[in-house]
Amino acid sequence: MSEQQSKPASAGWGTIVLIYLICVLAAASIGQAIPIVGDIARFFHGTRGQVSWVISMPSALVALGALPIGWLVARVGDKPLILLGITLLILGDVGVTLAESIQLLLLMRAVEGLGYALVAVSSVTMIARVTQGKRRTSALTLWSSYIPMSFAIPLTLAGLLAGTGHWRWSFGGHALTLLALGLAALSLPARAPAARVAGNSGLSTVLRTPVCYALGFSFACTAFVQLGIMSTLAPVLSTRYGFSIAAASSMLTAGSFVNIFGCLLMGWLLNRGLSPLLLALGSVALAATSASLVYLPGMPVAGEVAFAALYFLGTGLLTGLWALMPAVAPTPASRGATSGLVTQLTLWGVLFGPPVAFAAQAHGEQGEIAVILTAYLLGALLSWWVIHRVGTRIGLVDPGAGH
């Protein structure tokens, strides 16, 4: 049977939205700790390093484990690993609410991180498996917005618990996650047994394919700047305009929703046949210019808000380029390993973005702007190369455009 004949019918939007919501719940394991990390520090008398890991531990597990998980996806299947990931998220949440020491809390955060890694890598592989054509593009751009959504909701809800002493309630989402586990077990489509991949599941091929690294590092550049700005912008706004930290943080929450709109807009534009190369380079230019202007001294409040909104729109458009992942994979069977590698490299940007942004602040606005422009220039070059290598494979650029 040919590959075309063996393709399953494209999954409905109910399945796609369920996968998306599961990803939002999984990634919320990061955001749910941010507003109440000070309460945790006071409760456990933790060191600054320990407290920082309360936030960073889930991301670190993805950054370290996404590639081997991608290998497992091809060997075991995406649905079993999504179910395992949700189970670990529930166990980790329960463990955090019961932890009586900072060490045990960090261990449970690591369990949450492993669950998040399993869900993140397996979910994008499942979407690529059960969708085709324009629906796949739309589904992947929706999926790419799960991280900003996972920040927007916890920052709003968990923020209400900050300073109340009830920080453990922030990790009470395991009840909702348990419902997601049941729905996933009943309705997510399992891979056919015949589709099991033997050998190294395409991992060695992916590791020898430079374009997979290029796509991952291009996303890492976007995540590097985005998390750096999310970490440093609120104090800048508070100092420059006299906003409270809460008011400044609410601007970041609003920015997350603009970011989500940008992700979805990219899918809409791609499905209407616009050149992905022009979209990518235009989005880089929009994000780089507006982010630089946000840090420009002397900017009036109205300009600050406008350029921040344009920045979040631009970075959302760039994130929507996750639609390229299936075309970057050397073979359909290696999509699990490809998504693992790309996810792992992206999370490196997440990990390094905040500390570099804080270090750049020591050199004033010029230092921050220099970091932003350098990262986006590298991202633009990588995006250009990726699209010219794989665009013809999915009909996104003219065959004669060159490679």
Protein backbone atom coordinates (compact mmCIF):
# COMPACT_ATOMS: atom_id res chain seq x y z
CA MET A 1 0.00 0.00 0.00
CA SER A 2 1.34 3.40 -0.89
CA GLU A 3 1.88 6.11 1.66
CA GLN A 4 -0.94 8.14 0.16
CA GLN A 5 -3.33 5.20 0.41
CA SER A 6 -2.34 4.39 3.97
CA LYS A 7 -2.93 7.89 5.33
CA PRO A 8 -5.76 8.01 7.87
CA ALA A 9 -8.65 10.41 7.53
CA SER A 10 -7.90 13.76 9.09
CA ALA A 11 -8.95 13.94 12.73
CA GLY A 12 -11.82 16.22 13.73
CA TRP A 13 -11.41 19.47 15.60
CA GLY A 14 -12.72 17.89 18.79
CA THR A 15 -9.62 15.67 18.92
CA ILE A 16 -7.30 18.54 18.02
CA VAL A 17 -8.75 20.83 20.71
CA LEU A 18 -8.49 18.05 23.32
CA ILE A 19 -4.80 17.58 22.51
CA TYR A 20 -4.34 21.35 22.76
CA LEU A 21 -6.03 21.58 26.17
CA ILE A 22 -3.93 18.69 27.48
CA CYS A 23 -0.81 20.58 26.39
CA VAL A 24 -2.03 23.75 28.12
CA LEU A 25 -2.55 21.82 31.36
CA ALA A 26 0.89 20.24 31.05
CA ALA A 27 2.74 23.48 30.35
CA ALA A 28 0.83 25.21 33.16
CA SER A 29 3.13 23.27 35.49
CA ILE A 30 5.65 26.07 34.79
CA GLY A 31 3.41 29.10 35.02
CA GLN A 32 1.48 27.98 38.10
CA ALA A 33 4.60 28.39 40.26
CA ILE A 34 5.62 31.89 39.14
CA PRO A 35 3.18 34.06 41.16
CA ILE A 36 3.61 32.09 44.41
CA VAL A 37 7.34 31.30 44.31
CA GLY A 38 7.97 33.96 46.97
CA ASP A 39 5.45 32.25 49.28
CA ILE A 40 7.22 28.92 48.74
CA ALA A 41 10.58 30.51 49.55
CA ARG A 42 9.26 31.94 52.81
CA PHE A 43 7.51 28.71 53.81
CA PHE A 44 10.56 26.47 53.30
CA HIS A 45 13.26 29.09 54.00
CA GLY A 46 14.74 27.98 50.69
CA THR A 47 17.84 29.38 49.08
CA ARG A 48 17.62 31.58 45.99
CA GLY A 49 18.97 28.72 43.84
CA GLN A 50 16.41 26.24 45.19
CA VAL A 51 13.55 28.65 44.66
CA SER A 52 14.59 29.37 41.05
CA TRP A 53 14.45 25.64 40.35
CA VAL A 54 10.85 25.53 41.59
CA ILE A 55 10.02 27.42 38.38
CA SER A 56 12.68 26.01 36.06
CA MET A 57 12.55 22.29 36.89
CA PRO A 58 9.76 21.31 34.42
CA SER A 59 11.48 23.22 31.59
CA ALA A 60 14.81 21.60 32.44
CA LEU A 61 13.30 18.12 32.15
CA VAL A 62 11.99 18.97 28.66
CA ALA A 63 15.32 20.49 27.64
CA LEU A 64 17.15 17.34 28.72
CA GLY A 65 14.64 14.63 27.88
CA ALA A 66 12.73 15.66 24.76
CA LEU A 67 15.03 13.89 22.28
CA PRO A 68 14.93 10.43 23.93
CA ILE A 69 11.18 10.86 24.37
CA GLY A 70 10.93 11.51 20.64
CA TRP A 71 12.70 8.19 20.11
CA LEU A 72 10.19 6.48 22.43
CA VAL A 73 7.24 7.98 20.58
CA ALA A 74 8.17 6.11 17.42
CA ARG A 75 8.82 2.88 19.31
CA VAL A 76 5.86 2.88 21.72
CA GLY A 77 3.35 5.26 20.13
CA ASP A 78 2.18 8.76 20.94
CA LYS A 79 -1.06 7.95 22.80
CA PRO A 80 0.51 5.72 25.51
CA LEU A 81 3.13 8.36 26.24
CA ILE A 82 0.51 11.14 26.42
CA LEU A 83 -1.43 9.05 28.95
CA LEU A 84 1.73 8.36 30.94
CA GLY A 85 2.63 12.04 30.83
CA ILE A 86 -0.78 13.10 32.18
CA THR A 87 -0.49 10.51 34.95
CA LEU A 88 2.91 11.87 35.99
CA LEU A 89 1.53 15.42 35.98
CA ILE A 90 -1.22 14.34 38.39
CA LEU A 91 1.25 12.53 40.66
CA GLY A 92 3.61 15.51 40.62
CA ASP A 93 0.83 17.97 41.47
CA VAL A 94 -0.36 15.80 44.36
CA GLY A 95 3.23 15.38 45.56
CA VAL A 96 3.82 19.15 45.58
CA THR A 97 0.66 19.79 47.61
CA LEU A 98 1.85 17.23 50.20
CA ALA A 99 5.58 18.09 50.23
CA GLU A 100 6.96 19.00 53.64
CA SER A 101 10.49 19.88 52.48
CA ILE A 102 11.92 21.92 49.65
CA GLN A 103 13.88 18.86 48.47
CA LEU A 104 10.72 16.75 48.15
CA LEU A 105 8.93 19.61 46.44
CA LEU A 106 11.73 19.88 43.86
CA LEU A 107 11.58 16.12 43.29
CA MET A 108 7.85 16.35 42.62
CA ARG A 109 8.45 19.28 40.27
CA ALA A 110 10.84 16.99 38.37
CA VAL A 111 8.05 14.40 38.11
CA GLU A 112 5.79 17.13 36.70
CA GLY A 113 8.54 18.09 34.28
CA LEU A 114 8.86 14.54 32.97
CA GLY A 115 5.09 14.43 32.47
CA TYR A 116 5.21 17.76 30.62
CA ALA A 117 8.02 16.51 28.38
CA LEU A 118 6.09 13.36 27.48
CA VAL A 119 2.97 15.34 26.61
CA ALA A 120 4.76 18.09 24.67
CA VAL A 121 6.69 15.78 22.35
CA SER A 122 3.98 13.15 21.89
CA SER A 123 1.18 15.62 21.23
CA VAL A 124 2.79 17.38 18.28
CA THR A 125 3.67 13.97 16.81
CA MET A 126 0.06 12.86 17.16
CA ILE A 127 -1.25 16.02 15.46
CA ALA A 128 1.14 15.47 12.55
CA ARG A 129 -0.02 11.83 12.35
CA VAL A 130 -3.79 12.37 12.39
CA THR A 131 -4.09 15.51 10.24
CA GLN A 132 -3.30 16.42 6.65
CA GLY A 133 -3.05 19.45 4.40
CA LYS A 134 -4.52 22.75 5.53
CA ARG A 135 -6.04 21.19 8.63
CA ARG A 136 -2.58 20.07 9.71
CA THR A 137 -1.23 23.60 9.25
CA SER A 138 -4.09 25.08 11.28
CA ALA A 139 -3.80 22.38 13.96
CA LEU A 140 -0.05 22.82 14.39
CA THR A 141 -0.31 26.60 14.63
CA LEU A 142 -3.05 26.18 17.26
CA TRP A 143 -0.82 23.70 19.10
CA SER A 144 2.09 26.15 18.99
CA SER A 145 0.04 28.64 21.05
CA TYR A 146 -0.31 26.34 24.05
CA ILE A 147 2.70 27.83 25.87
CA PRO A 148 1.43 31.45 25.96
CA MET A 149 -2.01 30.15 26.96
CA SER A 150 -0.40 28.07 29.71
CA PHE A 151 1.19 31.26 31.10
CA ALA A 152 -1.87 33.49 30.75
CA ILE A 153 -4.22 31.29 32.78
CA PRO A 154 -1.94 30.44 35.77
CA LEU A 155 -0.59 33.99 36.00
CA THR A 156 -4.19 35.17 36.34
CA LEU A 157 -5.51 32.49 38.71
CA ALA A 158 -2.43 31.62 40.79
CA GLY A 159 -1.69 35.33 41.13
CA LEU A 160 -4.78 35.57 43.36
CA LEU A 161 -3.05 33.27 45.87
CA ALA A 162 0.17 35.28 46.14
CA GLY A 163 0.74 36.46 49.69
CA THR A 164 -2.25 34.57 51.10
CA GLY A 165 -0.32 31.61 52.52
CA HIS A 166 -2.41 29.20 50.44
CA TRP A 167 0.26 28.60 47.78
CA ARG A 168 -0.43 24.84 47.68
CA TRP A 169 -3.83 25.52 46.12
CA SER A 170 -2.01 26.66 43.00
CA PHE A 171 -1.12 23.01 42.36
CA GLY A 172 -4.69 21.78 42.74
CA GLY A 173 -5.22 21.37 39.01
CA HIS A 174 -4.77 17.59 39.28
CA ALA A 175 -8.57 17.23 39.52
CA LEU A 176 -8.99 18.82 36.09
CA THR A 177 -5.99 16.88 34.76
CA LEU A 178 -7.62 13.64 35.93
CA LEU A 179 -10.63 14.49 33.75
CA ALA A 180 -8.26 15.12 30.84
CA LEU A 181 -6.70 11.67 31.43
CA GLY A 182 -10.09 10.00 31.14
CA LEU A 183 -11.03 11.89 27.98
CA ALA A 184 -7.64 11.16 26.42
CA ALA A 185 -7.85 7.45 27.17
CA LEU A 186 -11.32 7.22 25.63
CA SER A 187 -11.05 9.46 22.58
CA LEU A 188 -7.47 10.03 21.39
CA PRO A 189 -6.71 7.89 18.31
CA ALA A 190 -4.16 5.16 18.87
CA ARG A 191 -1.54 4.34 16.27
CA ALA A 192 -2.11 1.18 14.27
CA PRO A 193 0.06 -1.72 15.53
CA ALA A 194 1.54 -2.09 12.05
CA ALA A 195 2.88 1.46 12.29
CA ARG A 196 5.32 0.56 15.06
CA VAL A 197 8.83 1.62 14.06
CA ALA A 198 11.69 -0.76 14.60
CA GLY A 199 15.38 -0.08 15.02
CA ASN A 200 16.36 3.38 16.26
CA SER A 201 13.02 4.94 15.20
CA GLY A 202 14.72 7.30 12.76
CA LEU A 203 16.74 8.92 15.53
CA SER A 204 20.10 8.46 13.82
CA THR A 205 18.67 9.90 10.58
CA VAL A 206 17.29 12.94 12.41
CA LEU A 207 20.61 13.49 14.18
CA ARG A 208 22.35 13.53 10.79
CA THR A 209 19.86 16.02 9.26
CA PRO A 210 21.10 19.61 9.68
CA VAL A 211 17.75 21.21 8.84
CA CYS A 212 16.21 19.65 11.97
CA TYR A 213 18.79 21.46 14.10
CA ALA A 214 18.22 24.68 12.17
CA LEU A 215 14.48 24.63 12.85
CA GLY A 216 15.06 23.88 16.54
CA PHE A 217 17.61 26.66 16.95
CA SER A 218 15.36 29.14 15.11
CA PHE A 219 12.62 28.46 17.66
CA ALA A 220 15.22 28.64 20.43
CA CYS A 221 16.10 32.19 19.31
CA THR A 222 12.43 33.21 19.54
CA ALA A 223 11.97 31.54 22.94
CA PHE A 224 15.25 33.01 24.18
CA VAL A 225 14.06 36.59 23.57
CA GLN A 226 10.47 35.94 24.60
CA LEU A 227 11.27 34.44 28.02
CA GLY A 228 13.91 37.08 28.59
CA ILE A 229 11.34 39.81 27.97
CA MET A 230 8.68 38.05 30.06
CA SER A 231 11.18 37.91 32.95
CA THR A 232 12.50 41.49 32.79
CA LEU A 233 9.83 43.72 31.29
CA ALA A 234 7.57 44.02 34.36
CA PRO A 235 10.35 45.51 36.56
CA VAL A 236 11.34 47.85 33.69
CA LEU A 237 7.77 49.13 33.34
CA SER A 238 7.45 49.50 37.10
CA THR A 239 10.66 51.53 37.37
CA ARG A 240 10.11 53.63 34.24
CA TYR A 241 6.43 54.53 34.66
CA GLY A 242 5.71 53.87 38.33
CA PHE A 243 3.39 50.93 37.63
CA SER A 244 2.91 48.35 40.34
CA ILE A 245 4.43 44.95 39.57
CA ALA A 246 0.89 43.54 39.49
CA ALA A 247 -0.21 46.09 36.87
CA ALA A 248 2.93 45.53 34.80
CA SER A 249 2.45 41.75 34.99
CA SER A 250 -1.13 42.12 33.77
CA MET A 251 0.29 43.66 30.58
CA LEU A 252 2.33 40.50 30.07
CA THR A 253 -0.80 38.40 30.57
CA ALA A 254 -2.60 40.45 27.92
CA GLY A 255 0.46 40.04 25.70
CA SER A 256 0.12 36.26 25.98
CA PHE A 257 -3.33 36.46 24.37
CA VAL A 258 -1.94 38.62 21.55
CA ASN A 259 0.77 35.97 21.16
CA ILE A 260 -1.89 33.27 20.77
CA PHE A 261 -3.62 35.35 18.09
CA GLY A 262 -0.30 35.60 16.23
CA CYS A 263 0.13 31.81 16.24
CA LEU A 264 -3.33 31.29 14.78
CA LEU A 265 -2.85 34.09 12.28
CA MET A 266 0.26 32.38 10.90
CA GLY A 267 -1.76 29.25 10.16
CA TRP A 268 -4.46 31.30 8.42
CA LEU A 269 -1.88 33.11 6.28
CA LEU A 270 -0.04 29.91 5.32
CA ASN A 271 -3.29 28.23 4.32
CA ARG A 272 -4.03 31.12 1.97
CA GLY A 273 -0.82 30.50 0.07
CA LEU A 274 1.28 33.41 1.28
CA SER A 275 5.02 32.84 1.03
CA PRO A 276 6.30 31.32 4.30
CA LEU A 277 9.68 32.92 3.65
CA LEU A 278 8.19 36.41 3.48
CA LEU A 279 6.00 35.65 6.49
CA ALA A 280 8.97 34.40 8.51
CA LEU A 281 11.28 37.29 7.66
CA GLY A 282 8.48 39.84 8.10
CA SER A 283 7.63 38.37 11.50
CA VAL A 284 11.28 38.50 12.57
CA ALA A 285 11.48 42.14 11.49
CA LEU A 286 8.28 42.99 13.36
CA ALA A 287 9.34 41.20 16.56
CA ALA A 288 12.93 42.52 16.54
CA THR A 289 11.99 46.12 15.82
CA SER A 290 9.11 46.34 18.30
CA ALA A 291 11.06 44.54 21.07
CA SER A 292 13.95 46.96 20.64
CA LEU A 293 11.62 49.96 20.78
CA VAL A 294 10.02 48.62 23.97
CA TYR A 295 13.38 49.05 25.74
CA LEU A 296 14.18 52.38 24.11
CA PRO A 297 14.46 55.07 26.83
CA GLY A 298 12.06 57.99 26.77
CA MET A 299 9.19 56.03 25.17
CA PRO A 300 5.75 57.38 26.26
CA VAL A 301 3.34 54.94 27.90
CA ALA A 302 1.07 54.71 24.84
CA GLY A 303 4.04 53.87 22.62
CA GLU A 304 5.26 51.29 25.14
CA VAL A 305 1.92 49.50 25.11
CA ALA A 306 1.63 49.64 21.31
CA PHE A 307 5.12 48.29 20.65
CA ALA A 308 4.72 45.59 23.30
CA ALA A 309 1.53 44.43 21.57
CA LEU A 310 3.32 44.38 18.19
CA TYR A 311 6.15 42.41 19.75
CA PHE A 312 3.82 39.74 21.10
CA LEU A 313 2.06 39.57 17.73
CA GLY A 314 5.38 39.11 15.90
CA THR A 315 6.68 36.42 18.23
CA GLY A 316 3.33 34.62 17.97
CA LEU A 317 3.64 34.58 14.18
CA LEU A 318 7.13 33.10 14.50
CA THR A 319 5.94 30.43 16.92
CA GLY A 320 3.26 29.45 14.41
CA LEU A 321 6.02 28.25 12.08
CA TRP A 322 5.83 24.97 14.00
CA ALA A 323 3.67 24.07 10.99
CA LEU A 324 6.99 23.34 9.23
CA MET A 325 7.92 20.47 11.57
CA PRO A 326 6.37 17.59 9.55
CA ALA A 327 8.20 18.77 6.41
CA VAL A 328 11.52 18.98 8.26
CA ALA A 329 11.29 15.36 9.43
CA PRO A 330 13.39 13.18 7.07
CA THR A 331 10.60 10.56 6.94
CA PRO A 332 7.08 10.27 8.38
CA ALA A 333 8.37 7.57 10.75
CA SER A 334 10.94 9.97 12.19
CA ARG A 335 8.51 12.72 13.17
CA GLY A 336 8.66 11.65 16.81
CA ALA A 337 12.45 12.00 16.93
CA THR A 338 12.25 15.25 14.95
CA SER A 339 9.72 16.82 17.31
CA GLY A 340 11.86 15.66 20.24
CA LEU A 341 14.99 17.30 18.86
CA VAL A 342 13.22 20.53 17.88
CA THR A 343 11.45 20.73 21.26
CA GLN A 344 14.66 20.10 23.16
CA LEU A 345 16.56 22.83 21.31
CA THR A 346 13.64 25.24 21.76
CA LEU A 347 13.70 24.70 25.52
CA TRP A 348 17.38 25.59 25.60
CA GLY A 349 16.27 29.05 24.55
CA VAL A 350 13.71 29.04 27.37
CA LEU A 351 16.37 28.11 29.93
CA PHE A 352 19.01 30.62 28.85
CA GLY A 353 16.71 33.54 27.97
CA PRO A 354 16.00 34.89 31.49
CA PRO A 355 19.56 34.77 32.91
CA VAL A 356 21.03 36.41 29.79
CA ALA A 357 18.31 39.07 29.84
CA PHE A 358 19.07 39.91 33.48
CA ALA A 359 22.79 40.02 32.72
CA ALA A 360 22.17 42.32 29.74
CA GLN A 361 20.28 44.73 32.00
CA ALA A 362 23.57 45.51 33.73
CA HIS A 363 24.61 47.26 30.49
CA GLY A 364 21.41 49.30 30.26
CA GLU A 365 18.96 49.46 27.38
CA GLN A 366 21.77 49.17 24.82
CA GLY A 367 22.77 45.78 26.19
CA GLU A 368 19.22 44.45 26.06
CA ILE A 369 18.63 45.74 22.54
CA ALA A 370 21.92 44.22 21.35
CA VAL A 371 20.92 40.80 22.70
CA ILE A 372 17.47 41.04 21.08
CA LEU A 373 18.79 42.03 17.65
CA THR A 374 21.55 39.40 17.68
CA ALA A 375 19.13 36.58 18.55
CA TYR A 376 16.61 37.62 15.92
CA LEU A 377 19.25 38.03 13.21
CA LEU A 378 20.40 34.47 13.84
CA GLY A 379 16.77 33.30 13.88
CA ALA A 380 16.09 35.01 10.56
CA LEU A 381 19.06 33.32 8.89
CA LEU A 382 18.05 29.91 10.22
CA SER A 383 14.40 30.35 9.17
CA TRP A 384 15.47 31.39 5.66
CA TRP A 385 17.63 28.28 5.31
CA VAL A 386 14.97 25.91 6.68
CA ILE A 387 12.23 27.19 4.38
CA HIS A 388 14.42 27.02 1.28
CA ARG A 389 15.41 23.46 2.16
CA VAL A 390 11.97 22.01 2.88
CA GLY A 391 9.45 24.42 1.37
CA THR A 392 8.98 22.48 -1.86
CA ARG A 393 8.30 19.31 0.13
CA ILE A 394 5.04 20.77 1.41
CA GLY A 395 4.30 23.17 -1.43
CA LEU A 396 5.09 26.27 0.56
CA VAL A 397 7.50 27.78 -1.98
CA ASP A 398 7.88 27.51 -5.70
CA PRO A 399 9.98 24.53 -6.83
CA GLY A 400 12.19 26.89 -8.75
CA ALA A 401 13.07 29.00 -5.71
CA GLY A 402 16.19 26.99 -5.07
CA HIS A 403 17.53 25.16 -2.04
